[in-house]
Amino acid sequence: MGCGASKTLTTPHGTEEHLTKKSQSENGNQSFVGNRPRLTERQIKLVQDTWRLLIPSQKKTAMIFYLKLFTLDPIFKEVFSFHTENEGQLEQDERFLFQSRKFMEMINSAVDRLNDISLLVMILKSLGEVHWTKFKIKPEYYEPVGKALIYSISKGLGSLFNDEIGEAWQAMYDLMSGAMISGTKAVQARSQNSL
C-alpha cells in the first residue's frame, strides 16, 4: 500500500480528469499471453484516459513524434519523404499531414481496442505484414518508434505524465510492436519457405 499523489487536470474541453499515481505494488503483476505482455486493467485505463487528453492536440503530438524519431535514428529520414527537422515546413507538408493522420488513427484504433486484445493482436499482426511487404519496415525499427511515441506522449501530457503512465504506454507499445513484429516474421518465413 502506498500513498498515491492525485493530480487533477482540466482538459481543453473544460472537464477535469483525475489520475492517481500509484506505487508499482498497487498496479498488480503484469501477466503475459504467450511471450506478449498483457496490460493490467489499470494500465489499459491509464492509456485510454491519457489518450483522450491528447486527442485535441494529435497534430502537435504527431509532429513531436516524427521530429524525435528523426533524431533517434537517421534511417527514418530515408523511410519517410518528409524528413525535415523544421517544424514550420512539416506543418505545410501534405505527405507529413497524411502520414501523421494515419499514424494517429492507428494509435487511436489500438487504444480503442484494448478491451479486446485478441482482436487487436490479429489486426496488428496483419499490419506488421503490410509494413514489411510494402515498406520493408524491419523489426529493429520498432524500438526507436516506441521511444519517440513515449516521448511525444510525455510532452503532450506535460506535468501530468509520470512513471506509471510511462510504464502503461510502454506496455501498450510492447504489445503493439510485438504483434507487428510477429506479422513481419510470419511473412518473412512464408517468403523463405516458398524459395
Protein backbone atom coordinates (compact mmCIF):
# COMPACT_ATOMS: atom_id res chain seq x y z
CA MET A 1 0.00 0.00 0.00
CA GLY A 2 1.27 3.40 -0.85
CA CYS A 3 0.11 6.89 -0.59
CA GLY A 4 -0.54 7.97 -4.13
CA ALA A 5 -0.44 11.56 -5.21
CA SER A 6 -3.56 12.50 -7.13
CA LYS A 7 -3.46 15.02 -9.95
CA THR A 8 -6.38 16.86 -11.46
CA LEU A 9 -6.10 18.28 -14.95
CA THR A 10 -8.56 20.50 -16.71
CA THR A 11 -8.72 19.31 -20.29
CA PRO A 12 -9.09 21.60 -23.31
CA HIS A 13 -12.79 20.74 -23.17
CA GLY A 14 -13.11 22.12 -19.63
CA THR A 15 -13.60 18.74 -17.94
CA GLU A 16 -11.48 17.57 -15.09
CA GLU A 17 -9.51 14.37 -15.34
CA HIS A 18 -8.33 12.65 -12.18
CA LEU A 19 -5.33 10.38 -12.36
CA THR A 20 -3.77 8.83 -9.31
CA LYS A 21 -0.12 7.94 -9.09
CA LYS A 22 0.17 4.50 -7.51
CA SER A 23 3.16 2.56 -6.39
CA GLN A 24 4.21 -0.37 -8.52
CA SER A 25 2.96 -2.86 -5.93
CA GLU A 26 -0.55 -1.43 -6.23
CA ASN A 27 -0.59 -1.92 -10.00
CA GLY A 28 -0.70 -5.69 -9.75
CA ASN A 29 1.58 -8.03 -11.61
CA GLN A 30 1.72 -7.83 -15.35
CA SER A 31 0.94 -11.18 -16.91
CA PHE A 32 1.90 -12.48 -20.29
CA VAL A 33 -0.02 -14.08 -23.15
CA GLY A 34 2.47 -16.28 -24.95
CA ASN A 35 5.51 -14.02 -24.95
CA ARG A 36 3.41 -10.84 -25.31
CA PRO A 37 2.80 -8.71 -22.24
CA ARG A 38 -0.80 -8.33 -21.19
CA LEU A 39 -1.70 -4.93 -19.88
CA THR A 40 -3.30 -4.72 -16.48
CA GLU A 41 -6.77 -3.18 -16.24
CA ARG A 42 -5.19 -0.15 -14.59
CA GLN A 43 -2.70 0.25 -17.45
CA ILE A 44 -5.49 -0.01 -20.02
CA LYS A 45 -7.45 2.69 -18.18
CA LEU A 46 -4.38 4.94 -17.93
CA VAL A 47 -3.63 4.58 -21.64
CA GLN A 48 -7.24 5.23 -22.63
CA ASP A 49 -7.66 8.17 -20.24
CA THR A 50 -4.43 9.87 -21.23
CA TRP A 51 -5.06 9.29 -24.93
CA ARG A 52 -8.40 11.08 -24.60
CA LEU A 53 -6.49 14.06 -23.22
CA LEU A 54 -4.20 14.07 -26.28
CA ILE A 55 -6.91 13.77 -28.95
CA PRO A 56 -7.40 17.54 -29.34
CA SER A 57 -3.66 18.01 -29.95
CA GLN A 58 -2.92 14.97 -32.13
CA LYS A 59 -1.35 17.01 -34.92
CA LYS A 60 1.14 18.51 -32.46
CA THR A 61 1.73 15.10 -30.85
CA ALA A 62 2.47 13.64 -34.30
CA MET A 63 4.90 16.44 -35.08
CA ILE A 64 6.77 15.87 -31.81
CA PHE A 65 6.80 12.14 -32.56
CA TYR A 66 8.30 12.45 -36.05
CA LEU A 67 10.84 15.13 -35.10
CA LYS A 68 12.02 12.92 -32.22
CA LEU A 69 12.06 9.83 -34.44
CA PHE A 70 14.34 11.57 -36.96
CA THR A 71 16.79 12.47 -34.20
CA LEU A 72 16.75 9.00 -32.62
CA ASP A 73 17.62 7.15 -35.80
CA PRO A 74 18.60 8.78 -39.10
CA ILE A 75 17.35 5.71 -41.02
CA PHE A 76 13.86 7.17 -40.71
CA LYS A 77 14.89 10.10 -42.87
CA GLU A 78 15.18 7.52 -45.66
CA VAL A 79 11.91 5.80 -44.72
CA PHE A 80 9.83 8.98 -44.83
CA SER A 81 9.97 11.52 -47.64
CA PHE A 82 9.17 14.47 -45.35
CA HIS A 83 12.32 14.16 -43.28
CA THR A 84 12.80 17.82 -42.45
CA GLU A 85 13.61 18.84 -38.91
CA ASN A 86 11.89 22.17 -39.44
CA GLU A 87 8.53 22.23 -37.65
CA GLY A 88 7.17 25.03 -39.85
CA GLN A 89 7.90 23.07 -43.03
CA LEU A 90 6.31 19.92 -41.62
CA GLU A 91 3.06 21.73 -40.86
CA GLN A 92 2.74 22.57 -44.56
CA ASP A 93 3.89 19.24 -46.00
CA GLU A 94 0.94 17.20 -47.32
CA ARG A 95 2.95 13.97 -47.07
CA PHE A 96 3.58 14.62 -43.39
CA LEU A 97 -0.05 15.56 -42.75
CA PHE A 98 -1.22 12.34 -44.44
CA GLN A 99 1.30 10.12 -42.62
CA SER A 100 0.69 11.74 -39.24
CA ARG A 101 -3.07 11.27 -39.65
CA LYS A 102 -2.54 7.59 -40.48
CA PHE A 103 -0.21 7.08 -37.51
CA MET A 104 -2.57 8.81 -35.08
CA GLU A 105 -5.51 6.79 -36.47
CA MET A 106 -3.54 3.59 -35.87
CA ILE A 107 -2.77 4.56 -32.26
CA ASN A 108 -6.38 5.66 -31.73
CA SER A 109 -7.67 2.37 -33.13
CA ALA A 110 -5.30 0.37 -30.93
CA VAL A 111 -6.31 2.31 -27.82
CA ASP A 112 -9.98 1.76 -28.66
CA ARG A 113 -9.41 -2.00 -28.98
CA LEU A 114 -7.51 -2.52 -25.75
CA ASN A 115 -10.56 -4.20 -24.26
CA ASP A 116 -10.32 -6.90 -26.96
CA ILE A 117 -6.63 -7.79 -27.03
CA SER A 118 -7.13 -10.85 -29.26
CA LEU A 119 -8.70 -8.76 -32.00
CA LEU A 120 -6.10 -6.04 -31.56
CA VAL A 121 -3.22 -8.53 -31.88
CA MET A 122 -4.77 -10.06 -35.01
CA ILE A 123 -5.13 -6.61 -36.63
CA LEU A 124 -1.61 -5.57 -35.65
CA LYS A 125 -0.08 -8.80 -36.99
CA SER A 126 -1.72 -8.09 -40.31
CA LEU A 127 -0.47 -4.51 -40.18
CA GLY A 128 3.04 -5.80 -39.49
CA GLU A 129 2.82 -7.98 -42.58
CA VAL A 130 1.77 -4.97 -44.67
CA HIS A 131 4.55 -2.81 -43.20
CA TRP A 132 7.12 -5.42 -44.22
CA THR A 133 5.63 -6.24 -47.63
CA LYS A 134 5.03 -2.65 -48.77
CA PHE A 135 7.60 -0.62 -46.86
CA LYS A 136 10.27 -3.12 -45.69
CA ILE A 137 9.92 -1.97 -42.09
CA LYS A 138 12.39 -4.13 -40.19
CA PRO A 139 11.86 -5.42 -36.64
CA GLU A 140 14.70 -3.24 -35.34
CA TYR A 141 12.82 -0.11 -36.48
CA TYR A 142 10.16 -0.62 -33.81
CA GLU A 143 12.34 0.26 -30.80
CA PRO A 144 13.04 3.89 -31.78
CA VAL A 145 9.39 4.28 -32.82
CA GLY A 146 8.37 3.26 -29.30
CA LYS A 147 10.83 5.69 -27.73
CA ALA A 148 9.55 8.52 -29.93
CA LEU A 149 5.94 7.63 -29.12
CA ILE A 150 6.50 7.66 -25.35
CA TYR A 151 8.47 10.91 -25.68
CA SER A 152 5.68 12.59 -27.66
CA ILE A 153 3.07 11.43 -25.14
CA SER A 154 5.16 12.74 -22.26
CA LYS A 155 5.49 16.12 -23.98
CA GLY A 156 1.77 16.21 -24.79
CA LEU A 157 0.75 15.42 -21.22
CA GLY A 158 3.32 17.72 -19.65
CA SER A 159 3.32 17.67 -15.84
CA LEU A 160 0.56 15.04 -15.80
CA PHE A 161 2.97 12.45 -17.22
CA ASN A 162 4.54 10.20 -14.57
CA ASP A 163 6.35 6.88 -14.35
CA GLU A 164 3.15 4.87 -14.05
CA ILE A 165 1.70 6.44 -17.21
CA GLY A 166 5.01 5.90 -18.99
CA GLU A 167 5.02 2.22 -17.97
CA ALA A 168 1.42 1.80 -19.13
CA TRP A 169 2.21 3.29 -22.54
CA GLN A 170 5.38 1.19 -22.78
CA ALA A 171 3.33 -1.96 -22.08
CA MET A 172 0.83 -0.85 -24.74
CA TYR A 173 3.60 -0.24 -27.26
CA ASP A 174 5.32 -3.54 -26.40
CA LEU A 175 2.05 -5.30 -27.19
CA MET A 176 1.65 -3.38 -30.45
CA SER A 177 5.23 -3.80 -31.65
CA GLY A 178 5.35 -7.45 -30.58
CA ALA A 179 2.27 -8.24 -32.65
CA MET A 180 3.53 -6.27 -35.66
CA ILE A 181 6.97 -7.88 -35.49
CA SER A 182 5.25 -11.27 -35.30
CA GLY A 183 3.40 -10.40 -38.51
CA THR A 184 6.65 -9.31 -40.15
CA LYS A 185 8.40 -12.52 -39.18
CA ALA A 186 5.46 -14.62 -40.40
CA VAL A 187 5.54 -13.09 -43.88
CA GLN A 188 9.34 -13.35 -43.97
CA ALA A 189 9.10 -17.06 -43.04
CA ARG A 190 6.48 -17.68 -45.74
CA SER A 191 8.71 -15.97 -48.30
CA GLN A 192 11.69 -18.04 -47.17
CA ASN A 193 9.69 -21.29 -47.33
CA SER A 194 8.48 -20.56 -50.86
CA LEU A 195 12.04 -20.40 -52.20
